[in-house]
Protein backbone atom coordinates (compact mmCIF):
# COMPACT_ATOMS: atom_id res chain seq x y z
CA UNK A 1 10.74 23.58 31.49
CA UNK A 2 7.64 22.00 29.97
CA UNK A 3 7.75 18.28 29.20
CA UNK A 4 7.13 19.05 25.54
CA UNK A 5 10.20 21.24 25.15
CA UNK A 6 8.66 24.71 25.71
CA UNK A 7 7.69 26.44 28.92
CA UNK A 8 4.30 26.80 30.57
CA UNK A 9 2.35 30.03 30.89
CA UNK A 10 2.87 29.76 34.63
CA UNK A 11 6.66 29.59 34.20
CA UNK A 12 6.61 32.55 31.79
CA UNK A 13 4.80 34.67 34.38
CA UNK A 14 7.47 33.76 36.94
CA UNK A 15 10.32 35.06 34.80
CA UNK A 16 11.75 38.49 35.81
CA UNK A 17 10.49 40.29 32.70
CA UNK A 18 6.77 39.56 33.25
CA UNK A 19 7.03 39.41 37.03
CA UNK A 20 8.15 43.05 36.97
CA UNK A 21 4.81 43.97 35.39
CA UNK A 22 2.89 42.66 38.44
CA UNK A 23 0.84 40.13 36.42
CA UNK A 24 -2.71 39.35 37.50
CA UNK A 25 -4.52 36.35 36.05
CA UNK A 26 -8.12 37.41 35.46
CA UNK A 27 -9.41 34.40 33.47
CA UNK A 28 -8.67 30.65 33.35
CA UNK A 29 -6.10 30.51 36.13
CA UNK A 30 -6.55 26.73 36.03
CA UNK A 31 -5.06 26.58 32.53
CA UNK A 32 -1.66 28.09 33.17
CA UNK A 33 0.07 24.77 32.41
CA UNK A 34 -0.44 25.37 28.70
CA UNK A 35 2.76 25.21 26.68
CA UNK A 36 4.18 28.44 25.30
CA UNK A 37 5.69 27.67 21.91
CA UNK A 38 6.65 31.25 21.05
CA UNK A 39 6.09 34.89 22.11
CA UNK A 40 4.51 37.50 19.86
CA UNK A 41 3.76 41.19 20.42
CA UNK A 42 1.20 43.05 18.32
CA UNK A 43 -1.52 45.67 18.28
CA UNK A 44 -3.49 45.03 15.05
CA UNK A 45 -7.16 43.93 15.23
CA UNK A 46 -6.68 40.99 12.86
CA UNK A 47 -3.60 39.61 14.65
CA UNK A 48 -5.24 36.18 15.14
CA UNK A 49 -4.77 35.47 11.43
CA UNK A 50 -1.00 35.97 11.86
CA UNK A 51 -0.63 33.36 14.59
CA UNK A 52 -0.18 29.58 14.39
CA UNK A 53 -1.10 28.50 17.92
CA UNK A 54 0.84 28.11 21.14
CA UNK A 55 1.95 31.73 21.26
CA UNK A 56 2.02 34.00 24.32
CA UNK A 57 0.54 37.23 22.90
CA UNK A 58 1.71 40.53 24.41
CA UNK A 59 -0.38 43.66 23.68
CA UNK A 60 -1.28 47.06 25.11
CA UNK A 61 -4.88 46.47 23.99
CA UNK A 62 -4.99 48.98 21.13
CA UNK A 63 -6.19 46.33 18.69
CA UNK A 64 -8.86 45.00 21.03
CA UNK A 65 -11.41 47.57 19.89
CA UNK A 66 -13.62 49.92 21.85
CA UNK A 67 -16.97 48.21 21.37
CA UNK A 68 -17.95 44.97 23.17
CA UNK A 69 -18.72 43.21 19.87
CA UNK A 70 -15.22 43.97 18.57
CA UNK A 71 -13.65 42.80 21.78
CA UNK A 72 -15.56 39.49 21.71
CA UNK A 73 -14.48 38.82 18.10
CA UNK A 74 -10.85 39.63 18.98
CA UNK A 75 -10.69 37.27 21.99
CA UNK A 76 -12.61 34.45 20.31
CA UNK A 77 -10.31 34.64 17.28
CA UNK A 78 -7.27 34.16 19.51
CA UNK A 79 -8.91 31.25 21.36
CA UNK A 80 -9.81 29.56 18.08
CA UNK A 81 -6.19 29.96 16.95
CA UNK A 82 -5.12 28.07 20.07
CA UNK A 83 -2.73 30.59 21.54
CA UNK A 84 -1.31 29.82 24.99
CA UNK A 85 -2.40 33.03 26.71
CA UNK A 86 -3.21 36.69 26.17
CA UNK A 87 -1.23 39.24 28.22
CA UNK A 88 -2.51 42.85 28.19
CA UNK A 89 -0.43 45.71 29.57
CA UNK A 90 -2.65 48.29 31.30
CA UNK A 91 -2.18 52.01 30.92
CA UNK A 92 -2.04 52.79 27.21
CA UNK A 93 -5.58 51.62 26.38
CA UNK A 94 -7.20 50.31 29.56
CA UNK A 95 -6.88 51.05 33.25
CA UNK A 96 -8.51 47.70 33.88
CA UNK A 97 -9.69 45.09 31.41
CA UNK A 98 -13.38 45.42 30.50
CA UNK A 99 -15.75 42.75 31.78
CA UNK A 100 -16.61 41.81 28.18
CA UNK A 101 -13.02 40.78 27.47
CA UNK A 102 -12.67 38.86 30.74
CA UNK A 103 -15.98 37.02 30.35
CA UNK A 104 -15.28 36.14 26.69
CA UNK A 105 -11.82 34.80 27.60
CA UNK A 106 -13.27 32.77 30.47
CA UNK A 107 -15.99 31.31 28.22
CA UNK A 108 -13.47 30.47 25.49
CA UNK A 109 -11.03 28.84 27.94
CA UNK A 110 -8.26 31.34 27.13
CA UNK A 111 -5.90 32.34 29.97
CA UNK A 112 -6.01 36.14 30.30
CA UNK A 113 -3.40 38.18 32.20
CA UNK A 114 -3.25 41.93 32.85
CA UNK A 115 0.00 43.72 33.71
CA UNK A 116 -0.24 46.60 36.18
CA UNK A 117 3.17 48.01 35.30
CA UNK A 118 4.76 48.79 31.96
CA UNK A 119 7.42 46.31 30.83
CA UNK A 120 9.67 46.30 27.73
CA UNK A 121 8.08 43.68 25.49
CA UNK A 122 11.39 43.07 23.70
CA UNK A 123 13.00 42.01 26.99
CA UNK A 124 10.08 39.72 27.80
CA UNK A 125 10.29 38.16 24.33
CA UNK A 126 14.03 37.59 24.58
CA UNK A 127 13.74 36.12 28.06
CA UNK A 128 10.93 33.70 27.22
CA UNK A 129 12.52 32.66 23.94
CA UNK A 130 15.79 31.91 25.72
CA UNK A 131 13.91 29.73 28.19
CA UNK A 132 12.12 27.90 25.34
CA UNK A 133 15.37 27.30 23.45
CA UNK A 134 17.01 26.01 26.62
CA UNK A 135 14.04 23.70 27.13
CA UNK A 136 14.33 22.31 23.61
CA UNK A 137 18.03 21.82 24.13
CA UNK A 138 17.34 19.88 27.33
CA UNK A 139 14.91 17.62 25.43
CA UNK A 140 17.47 17.15 22.69
CA UNK A 141 19.97 16.07 25.32
CA UNK A 142 17.46 13.52 26.65
CA UNK A 143 16.92 12.14 23.15
CA UNK A 144 20.67 12.03 22.55
CA UNK A 145 21.09 10.14 25.80
CA UNK A 146 18.64 7.51 24.55
CA UNK A 147 20.59 7.41 21.30
CA UNK A 148 23.84 6.88 23.22
CA UNK A 149 22.36 4.05 25.28
CA UNK A 150 20.99 2.35 22.15
CA UNK A 151 24.37 2.62 20.46
CA UNK A 152 26.14 1.16 23.48
CA UNK A 153 23.65 -1.71 23.56
CA UNK A 154 24.47 -2.55 19.94
CA UNK A 155 28.23 -2.29 20.52
CA UNK A 156 27.82 -4.71 23.44
CA UNK A 157 26.27 -7.27 21.10
CA UNK A 158 22.62 -6.35 21.46
CA UNK A 159 20.15 -6.04 18.59
CA UNK A 160 16.75 -4.65 17.72
CA UNK A 161 14.99 -5.97 20.88
CA UNK A 162 17.47 -4.15 23.14
CA UNK A 163 17.00 -0.88 21.26
CA UNK A 164 13.23 -1.17 21.56
CA UNK A 165 13.41 -1.93 25.29
CA UNK A 166 15.49 1.19 25.95
CA UNK A 167 13.03 3.30 23.97
CA UNK A 168 10.01 1.71 25.71
CA UNK A 169 11.49 2.43 29.17
CA UNK A 170 12.14 6.04 28.21
CA UNK A 171 8.66 6.57 26.74
CA UNK A 172 6.85 4.65 29.49
CA UNK A 173 4.80 2.93 26.77
CA UNK A 174 5.18 -0.22 24.70
CA UNK A 175 7.09 0.16 21.44
CA UNK A 176 6.54 -1.87 18.27
CA UNK A 177 8.55 -2.32 15.10
CA UNK A 178 6.41 -3.25 12.12
CA UNK A 179 7.06 -3.75 8.43
CA UNK A 180 6.00 -1.09 5.94
CA UNK A 181 2.92 -3.29 5.31
CA UNK A 182 1.98 -3.36 9.02
CA UNK A 183 3.26 -6.85 10.00
CA UNK A 184 4.75 -6.99 13.50
CA UNK A 185 8.50 -7.63 13.65
CA UNK A 186 9.41 -6.88 17.29
CA UNK A 187 7.67 -5.65 20.43
CA UNK A 188 8.92 -4.31 23.75
CA UNK A 189 7.20 -3.07 26.90
CA UNK A 190 8.53 -0.68 29.55
CA UNK A 191 10.10 -2.42 32.48
CA UNK A 192 11.79 -5.15 30.38
CA UNK A 193 15.25 -3.58 30.24
CA UNK A 194 17.84 -4.49 32.90
CA UNK A 195 17.37 -2.34 36.00
CA UNK A 196 13.91 -1.13 34.97
CA UNK A 197 10.84 -1.22 37.14
CA UNK A 198 7.98 -3.75 37.05
CA UNK A 199 7.09 -4.98 33.59
CA UNK A 200 3.94 -3.70 31.92
CA UNK A 201 1.23 -5.75 30.22
CA UNK A 202 2.17 -8.22 27.52
CA UNK A 203 2.97 -6.06 24.47
CA UNK A 204 1.64 -8.71 22.09
CA UNK A 205 -1.81 -8.43 23.68
CA UNK A 206 -1.60 -4.66 23.30
CA UNK A 207 -0.61 -5.11 19.65
CA UNK A 208 -3.63 -7.28 18.97
CA UNK A 209 -5.86 -4.59 20.42
CA UNK A 210 -4.16 -1.89 18.37
CA UNK A 211 -4.49 -3.98 15.24
CA UNK A 212 -8.24 -4.17 15.80
CA UNK A 213 -8.36 -0.38 16.24
CA UNK A 214 -6.40 0.15 13.06
CA UNK A 215 -8.66 -2.16 11.12
CA UNK A 216 -11.65 -0.15 12.32
CA UNK A 217 -9.85 3.05 11.27
CA UNK A 218 -9.14 1.71 7.76
CA UNK A 219 -5.50 0.84 8.65
CA UNK A 220 -4.74 4.37 9.92
CA UNK A 221 -2.43 4.95 12.91
CA UNK A 222 -3.77 4.25 16.41
CA UNK A 223 -5.28 7.33 18.07
CA UNK A 224 -2.58 9.42 19.76
CA UNK A 225 0.25 7.16 18.59
CA UNK A 226 3.61 8.29 17.26
CA UNK A 227 4.72 6.65 14.00
CA UNK A 228 8.31 7.05 12.85
CA UNK A 229 9.58 5.61 9.58
CA UNK A 230 12.75 3.52 9.60
CA UNK A 231 14.39 4.40 6.27
CA UNK A 232 15.68 1.82 3.84
CA UNK A 233 17.79 1.85 0.69
CA UNK A 234 20.24 4.61 -0.07
CA UNK A 235 20.21 8.09 1.42
CA UNK A 236 17.33 10.18 0.17
CA UNK A 237 15.56 7.36 -1.63
CA UNK A 238 12.39 7.75 0.43
CA UNK A 239 12.11 3.97 0.88
CA UNK A 240 10.52 2.85 4.16
CA UNK A 241 11.88 -0.43 5.49
CA UNK A 242 9.90 -0.50 8.74
CA UNK A 243 8.03 1.72 11.21
CA UNK A 244 8.33 2.42 14.89
CA UNK A 245 4.96 2.66 16.63
CA UNK A 246 4.67 4.33 20.06
CA UNK A 247 1.00 4.05 21.08
CA UNK A 248 -0.69 6.06 23.79
CA UNK A 249 -1.22 3.27 26.34
CA UNK A 250 -0.04 4.60 29.71
CA UNK A 251 0.03 8.25 28.57
CA UNK A 252 0.17 10.14 25.27
CA UNK A 253 3.70 10.18 23.81
CA UNK A 254 5.42 13.57 24.11
CA UNK A 255 7.50 15.37 21.49
CA UNK A 256 10.65 14.25 23.28
CA UNK A 257 9.55 10.65 22.79
CA UNK A 258 9.11 11.27 19.05
CA UNK A 259 12.57 12.85 19.01
CA UNK A 260 14.07 9.83 20.75
CA UNK A 261 12.20 7.49 18.37
CA UNK A 262 13.61 9.36 15.38
CA UNK A 263 17.13 8.91 16.79
CA UNK A 264 16.43 5.22 17.41
CA UNK A 265 15.03 4.84 13.88
CA UNK A 266 18.36 5.92 12.42
CA UNK A 267 20.11 3.21 14.44
CA UNK A 268 17.53 0.58 13.49
CA UNK A 269 17.94 1.46 9.81
CA UNK A 270 21.62 0.55 10.03
CA UNK A 271 20.91 -2.63 12.02
CA UNK A 272 18.22 -3.81 9.61
CA UNK A 273 20.30 -2.94 6.58
CA UNK A 274 23.27 -4.86 7.95
CA UNK A 275 21.08 -7.84 8.87
CA UNK A 276 19.43 -7.79 5.46
CA UNK A 277 22.77 -7.53 3.67
CA UNK A 278 24.20 -10.40 5.68
CA UNK A 279 21.09 -12.50 5.11
CA UNK A 280 20.99 -11.70 1.42
CA UNK A 281 24.70 -12.38 0.97
CA UNK A 282 24.27 -15.73 2.70
CA UNK A 283 21.20 -16.56 0.58
CA UNK A 284 23.03 -15.54 -2.58
CA UNK A 285 26.04 -17.60 -1.53
CA UNK A 286 23.86 -20.68 -1.17
CA UNK A 287 22.25 -19.87 -4.52
CA UNK A 288 25.68 -19.59 -6.15
CA UNK A 289 26.68 -22.96 -4.71
CA UNK A 290 23.53 -24.64 -6.03
CA UNK A 291 23.99 -23.00 -9.44
CA UNK A 292 27.64 -24.02 -9.61
CA UNK A 293 26.58 -27.55 -8.70
CA UNK A 294 23.91 -27.50 -11.43
CA UNK A 295 26.34 -26.17 -14.04
CA UNK A 296 29.00 -28.75 -13.19
CA UNK A 297 31.49 -26.25 -11.75
CA UNK A 298 31.42 -28.20 -8.46
CA UNK A 299 32.17 -31.90 -8.70
CA UNK A 300 29.74 -34.27 -7.00
CA UNK A 301 32.57 -35.64 -4.86
CA UNK A 302 33.35 -32.22 -3.40
CA UNK A 303 29.77 -31.03 -3.04
CA UNK A 304 28.92 -32.68 0.35
CA UNK A 305 31.82 -30.97 2.16
CA UNK A 306 30.92 -27.54 0.73
CA UNK A 307 27.24 -28.07 1.54
CA UNK A 308 28.16 -28.96 5.12
CA UNK A 309 29.96 -25.62 5.47
CA UNK A 310 26.70 -23.96 4.37
CA UNK A 311 24.80 -25.83 7.10
CA UNK A 312 23.26 -28.59 4.93
CA UNK A 313 23.58 -32.08 6.42
CA UNK A 314 21.12 -34.30 4.54
CA UNK A 315 22.03 -37.73 5.85
CA UNK A 316 22.28 -40.90 3.77
CA UNK A 317 19.00 -40.65 1.86
CA UNK A 318 18.47 -39.28 -1.65
CA UNK A 319 18.52 -35.57 -2.45
CA UNK A 320 15.51 -33.84 -3.99
CA UNK A 321 16.22 -30.81 -6.23
CA UNK A 322 13.48 -28.14 -6.39
CA UNK A 323 13.39 -24.79 -8.17
CA UNK A 324 10.85 -22.01 -7.69
CA UNK A 325 10.70 -19.33 -10.35
CA UNK A 326 8.91 -16.03 -9.76
CA UNK A 327 7.13 -14.06 -12.43
CA UNK A 328 9.14 -10.91 -13.33
CA UNK A 329 6.48 -8.63 -11.85
CA UNK A 330 6.56 -10.55 -8.53
CA UNK A 331 10.32 -10.70 -8.01
CA UNK A 332 11.42 -8.69 -4.94
CA UNK A 333 13.12 -5.42 -5.80
CA UNK A 334 16.31 -5.49 -3.77
CA UNK A 335 15.06 -7.48 -0.76
CA UNK A 336 15.63 -11.15 -1.48
CA UNK A 337 16.62 -11.65 2.15
CA UNK A 338 13.01 -11.06 3.21
CA UNK A 339 11.81 -13.70 0.75
CA UNK A 340 14.51 -16.19 1.79
CA UNK A 341 13.70 -15.71 5.48
CA UNK A 342 9.94 -16.10 4.95
CA UNK A 343 10.37 -19.22 2.80
CA UNK A 344 12.81 -20.84 5.24
CA UNK A 345 10.41 -20.23 8.12
CA UNK A 346 7.64 -21.93 6.17
CA UNK A 347 9.93 -24.81 5.13
CA UNK A 348 10.79 -25.50 8.77
CA UNK A 349 7.48 -27.35 9.06
CA UNK A 350 8.32 -29.74 6.19
CA UNK A 351 10.51 -31.80 8.49
CA UNK A 352 13.52 -32.49 6.21
CA UNK A 353 16.96 -30.85 5.86
CA UNK A 354 16.86 -27.92 3.42
CA UNK A 355 19.52 -25.92 1.59
CA UNK A 356 17.91 -22.83 0.05
CA UNK A 357 19.48 -20.08 -2.02
CA UNK A 358 18.38 -17.18 -4.19
CA UNK A 359 19.35 -16.19 -7.72
CA UNK A 360 18.04 -12.62 -8.17
CA UNK A 361 19.23 -12.22 -11.77
CA UNK A 362 17.22 -15.23 -12.96
CA UNK A 363 14.37 -14.69 -10.48
CA UNK A 364 14.86 -18.20 -9.09
CA UNK A 365 14.93 -19.86 -5.68
CA UNK A 366 16.84 -23.19 -5.96
CA UNK A 367 16.88 -25.66 -3.09
CA UNK A 368 17.97 -29.15 -2.16
CA UNK A 369 16.14 -31.32 0.34
CA UNK A 370 17.35 -34.43 2.10
CA UNK A 371 14.89 -37.34 1.91
CA UNK A 372 14.88 -40.48 3.99
CA UNK A 373 13.79 -42.53 0.98
CA UNK A 374 12.68 -41.91 -2.58
CA UNK A 375 9.18 -43.12 -1.69
CA UNK A 376 8.44 -39.87 0.17
CA UNK A 377 9.26 -37.70 -2.87
CA UNK A 378 5.64 -36.86 -3.71
CA UNK A 379 4.57 -36.18 -0.13
CA UNK A 380 7.58 -33.94 0.51
CA UNK A 381 7.07 -32.17 -2.83
CA UNK A 382 3.48 -31.36 -1.84
CA UNK A 383 4.58 -29.87 1.48
CA UNK A 384 7.49 -27.98 -0.05
CA UNK A 385 5.33 -26.43 -2.79
CA UNK A 386 2.80 -25.29 -0.19
CA UNK A 387 5.56 -23.82 2.00
CA UNK A 388 7.18 -22.01 -0.93
CA UNK A 389 3.94 -20.35 -1.98
CA UNK A 390 3.16 -19.44 1.64
CA UNK A 391 6.60 -17.86 1.95
CA UNK A 392 6.02 -15.77 -1.16
CA UNK A 393 2.71 -14.60 0.30
CA UNK A 394 4.30 -13.76 3.67
CA UNK A 395 6.99 -11.75 1.91
CA UNK A 396 4.26 -9.66 0.29
CA UNK A 397 5.27 -10.61 -3.26
CA UNK A 398 1.88 -11.71 -4.53
CA UNK A 399 0.71 -9.19 -7.13
CA UNK A 400 -2.92 -8.95 -8.28
CA UNK A 401 -3.17 -10.41 -11.77
CA UNK A 402 0.44 -11.63 -11.78
CA UNK A 403 1.39 -15.20 -12.61
CA UNK A 404 1.82 -17.37 -9.51
CA UNK A 405 5.29 -18.77 -8.79
CA UNK A 406 6.23 -21.92 -10.66
CA UNK A 407 7.58 -24.81 -8.58
CA UNK A 408 9.39 -27.64 -10.39
CA UNK A 409 10.49 -30.81 -8.59
CA UNK A 410 13.38 -32.79 -10.07
CA UNK A 411 14.47 -36.40 -9.81
CA UNK A 412 15.65 -37.66 -6.40
CA UNK A 413 19.11 -39.22 -6.22
CA UNK A 414 22.69 -38.70 -5.11
CA UNK A 415 24.87 -35.63 -5.55
CA UNK A 416 25.52 -36.35 -9.22
CA UNK A 417 21.78 -36.69 -9.87
CA UNK A 418 21.18 -33.53 -7.84
CA UNK A 419 23.53 -31.62 -10.13
CA UNK A 420 21.65 -32.65 -13.26
CA UNK A 421 18.31 -32.38 -11.50
CA UNK A 422 18.87 -28.78 -10.45
CA UNK A 423 19.88 -27.80 -13.96
CA UNK A 424 16.89 -29.58 -15.50
CA UNK A 425 14.47 -28.13 -12.94
CA UNK A 426 15.78 -24.60 -13.53
CA UNK A 427 15.32 -24.92 -17.28
CA UNK A 428 11.87 -26.46 -17.07
CA UNK A 429 10.74 -23.85 -14.51
CA UNK A 430 11.13 -21.24 -17.24
CA UNK A 431 9.25 -23.37 -19.77
CA UNK A 432 6.46 -24.13 -17.28
CA UNK A 433 5.49 -20.47 -16.88
CA UNK A 434 3.16 -20.74 -19.84
CA UNK A 435 1.47 -23.96 -18.69
CA UNK A 436 -1.82 -24.42 -16.82
CA UNK A 437 -1.33 -23.70 -13.13
CA UNK A 438 -0.44 -26.57 -10.80
CA UNK A 439 0.83 -26.71 -7.20
CA UNK A 440 4.07 -28.15 -8.58
CA UNK A 441 5.38 -29.65 -11.80
CA UNK A 442 7.29 -32.90 -12.15
CA UNK A 443 10.41 -32.13 -14.19
CA UNK A 444 10.29 -35.65 -15.68
CA UNK A 445 7.01 -34.81 -17.44
CA UNK A 446 8.13 -31.48 -18.87
CA UNK A 447 10.73 -32.61 -21.40
CA UNK A 448 8.49 -32.00 -24.39
CA UNK A 449 7.51 -28.59 -23.00
CA UNK A 450 11.18 -27.74 -22.53
CA UNK A 451 12.01 -28.77 -26.09
CA UNK A 452 9.12 -26.77 -27.54
CA UNK A 453 9.97 -23.77 -25.35
CA UNK A 454 13.51 -23.77 -26.71
CA UNK A 455 12.05 -23.77 -30.23
CA UNK A 456 9.40 -21.16 -29.45
CA UNK A 457 10.98 -18.45 -31.61
CA UNK A 458 11.83 -20.74 -34.53
CA UNK A 459 9.58 -19.88 -37.49
CA UNK A 460 9.16 -23.56 -38.40
CA UNK A 461 7.42 -24.27 -35.09
CA UNK A 462 4.87 -21.47 -35.57
CA UNK A 463 4.31 -22.64 -39.18
CA UNK A 464 3.74 -26.21 -37.97
CA UNK A 465 1.17 -25.08 -35.40
CA UNK A 466 -0.64 -23.01 -38.03
CA UNK A 467 -0.75 -25.90 -40.52
CA UNK A 468 -1.98 -28.39 -37.94
CA UNK A 469 -4.68 -26.41 -36.10
CA UNK A 470 -4.90 -23.09 -37.96
CA UNK A 471 -8.42 -23.74 -39.31
CA UNK A 472 -9.69 -24.45 -35.80
CA UNK A 473 -8.13 -21.26 -34.45
CA UNK A 474 -9.77 -19.29 -37.26
CA UNK A 475 -13.12 -20.96 -36.54
CA UNK A 476 -12.94 -20.20 -32.80
CA UNK A 477 -12.24 -16.53 -33.43
CA UNK A 478 -15.54 -16.07 -35.24
CA UNK A 479 -17.86 -18.95 -34.33
CA UNK A 480 -19.40 -20.65 -31.32
CA UNK A 481 -19.01 -23.07 -29.70
CA UNK A 482 -15.20 -23.05 -29.81
CA UNK A 483 -13.76 -26.36 -30.97
CA UNK A 484 -10.17 -26.25 -29.76
CA UNK A 485 -11.14 -27.03 -26.13
CA UNK A 486 -13.08 -30.06 -27.36
CA UNK A 487 -10.08 -31.31 -29.30
CA UNK A 488 -7.74 -30.77 -26.32
CA UNK A 489 -9.95 -32.79 -23.96
CA UNK A 490 -10.50 -35.49 -26.58
CA UNK A 491 -6.75 -35.95 -27.12
CA UNK A 492 -6.04 -35.75 -23.38
CA UNK A 493 -8.34 -38.77 -22.92
CA UNK A 494 -6.62 -40.64 -25.77
CA UNK A 495 -9.74 -40.58 -27.95
CA UNK A 496 -12.08 -42.09 -25.34
CA UNK A 497 -15.37 -40.45 -26.21
CA UNK A 498 -17.32 -41.37 -23.08
CA UNK A 499 -14.73 -39.74 -20.79
CA UNK A 500 -14.45 -36.72 -23.10
CA UNK A 501 -18.22 -36.17 -23.09
CA UNK A 502 -18.33 -36.53 -19.31
CA UNK A 503 -15.60 -33.91 -18.73
CA UNK A 504 -17.16 -31.48 -21.22
CA UNK A 505 -20.68 -32.10 -19.83
CA UNK A 506 -21.95 -33.01 -23.32
CA UNK A 507 -24.22 -35.77 -24.54
CA UNK A 508 -22.72 -38.30 -26.92
CA UNK A 509 -24.42 -37.01 -30.08
CA UNK A 510 -23.27 -33.41 -29.45
CA UNK A 511 -19.70 -34.61 -28.97
CA UNK A 512 -19.88 -36.71 -32.17
CA UNK A 513 -21.11 -33.66 -34.09
CA UNK A 514 -18.28 -31.52 -32.78
CA UNK A 515 -15.65 -34.15 -33.60
CA UNK A 516 -17.05 -34.50 -37.08
CA UNK A 517 -16.88 -30.73 -37.55
CA UNK A 518 -13.26 -30.70 -36.31
CA UNK A 519 -12.30 -33.44 -38.76
CA UNK A 520 -14.06 -31.56 -41.57
CA UNK A 521 -12.29 -28.27 -40.83
CA UNK A 522 -8.89 -29.93 -40.54
CA UNK A 523 -9.47 -32.30 -43.48
CA UNK A 524 -8.13 -35.22 -41.51
CA UNK A 525 -9.08 -38.44 -39.72
CA UNK A 526 -9.09 -38.16 -35.91
CA UNK A 527 -8.66 -41.93 -35.62
CA UNK A 528 -5.34 -41.89 -37.49
CA UNK A 529 -2.42 -42.29 -35.02
CA UNK A 530 -0.12 -39.98 -37.00
CA UNK A 531 -2.81 -37.33 -37.10
CA UNK A 532 -3.41 -37.66 -33.37
CA UNK A 533 0.34 -37.31 -32.69
CA UNK A 534 0.64 -34.21 -34.88
CA UNK A 535 -2.43 -32.55 -33.36
CA UNK A 536 -1.26 -33.31 -29.81
CA UNK A 537 2.15 -31.84 -30.55
CA UNK A 538 0.61 -28.75 -32.18
CA UNK A 539 -1.64 -28.12 -29.18
CA UNK A 540 1.36 -28.60 -26.91
CA UNK A 541 3.47 -26.15 -28.93
CA UNK A 542 0.61 -23.64 -29.02
CA UNK A 543 1.17 -22.91 -25.32
CA UNK A 544 4.68 -21.65 -26.06
CA UNK A 545 4.06 -19.80 -29.32
CA UNK A 546 1.05 -17.67 -28.32
């Protein structure tokens, strides 16, 4: 049996059917280890076009032609098709193969055999095909044995690493499990399973080398590697959760290794789905707890005990509520566990206790953090916001052109304050999606935005904005320079002209001219406090009514 599941040309010639024909190898005797995928018998001149490669071709030579040129074309066509060998039965057409045929076969690297006795081709075909089928069955049994060992490893409490080690030992090459985007999840090298031989080179070093090769090949698979998709989602959805990579390190992977990898991929799909479901259920459970706390369905007195069951032990310091809201186009489709895991890994560097949950319906990630003192609120908020955004990036949820995630930090305090703070942060996270981008927003400074956001669809608010700054909006649509940005900076600096001119990179006289033009268009006095209040509120509301 050939290691790829067929038989070799040499083995085919040893079988009784061909051996009875007294086979003589007249060209490329050093290439008899080629794999015979199938047997075909034929006499037509254009038979090469009917073959796919790997066949053992049986013929009496009628289709070979009588002229040397025809014979060369016939043999070269078979060689180009990649057949395993050409077997010609002498007697019907030739007493001995012409030198032209032998020399052409030798030059083309095609094993050529002549039979000195007549044999029934149908018997030869049946015999070789039976051997090939038996060989494939033997390979299938090997792959099923790997599948059985992997299943036993899981039933004994093992996980993905154990499955990969069994597969790596069988293949004699390192095995990697990567995400659909190419990020490494697990690695195993042959010789790492119990009872295996000496361990091979560090698989992580091999992975780094392969990653460089793939980058040079525009992210294509490593040369000679086997890639097998680990399916995700429901049956037949076509979703790829991960990929098994069997590179050609010690030797090229064989078809039996691909077969074993495909069996292992089915097991890994179940393991990853179960792990993801358990992770997502846990993350959703924490999210439900934090939402129930925010909505008052859990009393502050009972919250610490329930949080402790969820693994949150904050100590005696104040609690800091934080909510991250994802833009609708960035929310993960059915894999919130991946996001939760990535964010938690990033938050581990913040250095404070964290309780994190997910709320897929609202597209939110609520969390509570335990502080040592309220004085570290700003520093912790900076680190948390950075970790949250890094987690979103690691989870592959950043979309080109999409709004970045909004992070809102509430007021630090006890469990009662955490309840109100989570609710307030969740509400303001929605309102903050239309605001200028910041690393994080302080919920205490978003009350006006929240009020205006709640009124965003009320016709009176849109009418107020139009009355207050409508003339400027009309001016900016048709004239240059635009004046609304000047008014926004002027009001942001509380009417201090020197600071306004400095931020806008204008000289004083140009700023005075623009302010005069604004006052003229609006028919109002920019020094009047009531006017300033109305204009500030209109500009504020404009963010939520656009």
